[in-house]
């Protein structure tokens, strides 16, 4: 799907610099940024879920340790 991306001058310069530095097209840099952001969000969600499970499963232990 085609999409137009409107950037201000500062972000355009950043994108140009990243593309040149990485020897990629601007489209590739944007796609990678989206993928990295999605992976980070997924990792954060999984980490929160694991933490919540531990808190629930070990509530008694955590209560005892807090005293």
C-alpha atoms as a PDB file:
ATOM      1  CA  UNK A   1       0.000   0.000   0.000  1.00  0.00           C
ATOM      2  CA  UNK A   2       1.364   3.400  -0.918  1.00  0.00           C
ATOM      3  CA  UNK A   3       1.504   6.137   1.683  1.00  0.00           C
ATOM      4  CA  UNK A   4       2.575   9.744   1.783  1.00  0.00           C
ATOM      5  CA  UNK A   5       4.723  10.761   4.730  1.00  0.00           C
ATOM      6  CA  UNK A   6       4.931  14.441   5.519  1.00  0.00           C
ATOM      7  CA  UNK A   7       7.948  15.485   7.543  1.00  0.00           C
ATOM      8  CA  UNK A   8       9.119  18.860   8.736  1.00  0.00           C
ATOM      9  CA  UNK A   9      12.564  19.996   7.639  1.00  0.00           C
ATOM     10  CA  UNK A  10      14.316  18.737  10.776  1.00  0.00           C
ATOM     11  CA  UNK A  11      12.897  15.220  10.478  1.00  0.00           C
ATOM     12  CA  UNK A  12      13.602  15.166   6.746  1.00  0.00           C
ATOM     13  CA  UNK A  13      17.245  15.975   7.478  1.00  0.00           C
ATOM     14  CA  UNK A  14      17.407  13.224  10.108  1.00  0.00           C
ATOM     15  CA  UNK A  15      15.906  10.712   7.706  1.00  0.00           C
ATOM     16  CA  UNK A  16      18.293  11.744   4.935  1.00  0.00           C
ATOM     17  CA  UNK A  17      21.258  11.407   7.293  1.00  0.00           C
ATOM     18  CA  UNK A  18      20.172   7.980   8.558  1.00  0.00           C
ATOM     19  CA  UNK A  19      19.580   6.700   5.050  1.00  0.00           C
ATOM     20  CA  UNK A  20      22.998   7.891   3.916  1.00  0.00           C
ATOM     21  CA  UNK A  21      24.745   6.544   7.014  1.00  0.00           C
ATOM     22  CA  UNK A  22      23.111   3.126   6.687  1.00  0.00           C
ATOM     23  CA  UNK A  23      23.288   3.070   2.895  1.00  0.00           C
ATOM     24  CA  UNK A  24      19.553   2.406   2.694  1.00  0.00           C
ATOM     25  CA  UNK A  25      16.665   4.102   1.028  1.00  0.00           C
ATOM     26  CA  UNK A  26      14.527   6.412   3.119  1.00  0.00           C
ATOM     27  CA  UNK A  27      11.677   3.929   2.708  1.00  0.00           C
ATOM     28  CA  UNK A  28      13.828   1.141   4.146  1.00  0.00           C
ATOM     29  CA  UNK A  29      14.803   3.301   7.125  1.00  0.00           C
ATOM     30  CA  UNK A  30      11.160   4.120   7.860  1.00  0.00           C
ATOM     31  CA  UNK A  31      10.116   0.463   7.553  1.00  0.00           C
ATOM     32  CA  UNK A  32      12.887  -0.639   9.902  1.00  0.00           C
ATOM     33  CA  UNK A  33      11.915   2.047  12.422  1.00  0.00           C
ATOM     34  CA  UNK A  34       8.316   0.801  12.391  1.00  0.00           C
ATOM     35  CA  UNK A  35       9.434  -2.814  12.828  1.00  0.00           C
ATOM     36  CA  UNK A  36      11.766  -1.897  15.698  1.00  0.00           C
ATOM     37  CA  UNK A  37       9.018   0.099  17.438  1.00  0.00           C
ATOM     38  CA  UNK A  38       6.571  -2.797  17.089  1.00  0.00           C
ATOM     39  CA  UNK A  39       9.119  -5.281  18.454  1.00  0.00           C
ATOM     40  CA  UNK A  40       9.835  -3.016  21.416  1.00  0.00           C
ATOM     41  CA  UNK A  41       6.121  -2.641  22.183  1.00  0.00           C
ATOM     42  CA  UNK A  42       5.643  -6.417  21.973  1.00  0.00           C
ATOM     43  CA  UNK A  43       8.591  -7.033  24.287  1.00  0.00           C
ATOM     44  CA  UNK A  44       7.229  -4.507  26.792  1.00  0.00           C
ATOM     45  CA  UNK A  45       3.800  -6.155  26.728  1.00  0.00           C
ATOM     46  CA  UNK A  46       5.317  -9.600  27.257  1.00  0.00           C
ATOM     47  CA  UNK A  47       7.462  -8.303  30.116  1.00  0.00           C
ATOM     48  CA  UNK A  48       4.427  -6.740  31.821  1.00  0.00           C
ATOM     49  CA  UNK A  49       2.451  -9.974  31.416  1.00  0.00           C
ATOM     50  CA  UNK A  50       5.261 -12.035  32.950  1.00  0.00           C
ATOM     51  CA  UNK A  51       5.588  -9.591  35.842  1.00  0.00           C
ATOM     52  CA  UNK A  52       1.844  -9.700  36.520  1.00  0.00           C
ATOM     53  CA  UNK A  53       1.884 -13.512  36.464  1.00  0.00           C
ATOM     54  CA  UNK A  54       4.764 -13.608  38.955  1.00  0.00           C
ATOM     55  CA  UNK A  55       3.016 -11.127  41.244  1.00  0.00           C
ATOM     56  CA  UNK A  56      -0.140 -13.233  41.211  1.00  0.00           C
ATOM     57  CA  UNK A  57       1.571 -16.594  41.595  1.00  0.00           C
ATOM     58  CA  UNK A  58       3.971 -15.454  44.313  1.00  0.00           C
ATOM     59  CA  UNK A  59       1.745 -13.013  46.203  1.00  0.00           C
ATOM     60  CA  UNK A  60       2.191 -14.822  49.525  1.00  0.00           C
ATOM     61  CA  UNK A  61       5.969 -14.988  49.145  1.00  0.00           C
ATOM     62  CA  UNK A  62       6.189 -11.339  48.137  1.00  0.00           C
ATOM     63  CA  UNK A  63       4.040 -10.377  51.134  1.00  0.00           C
ATOM     64  CA  UNK A  64       6.308 -12.335  53.493  1.00  0.00           C
ATOM     65  CA  UNK A  65       9.440 -10.785  52.012  1.00  0.00           C
ATOM     66  CA  UNK A  66       8.053  -7.286  52.407  1.00  0.00           C
ATOM     67  CA  UNK A  67       7.843  -7.678  56.224  1.00  0.00           C
END
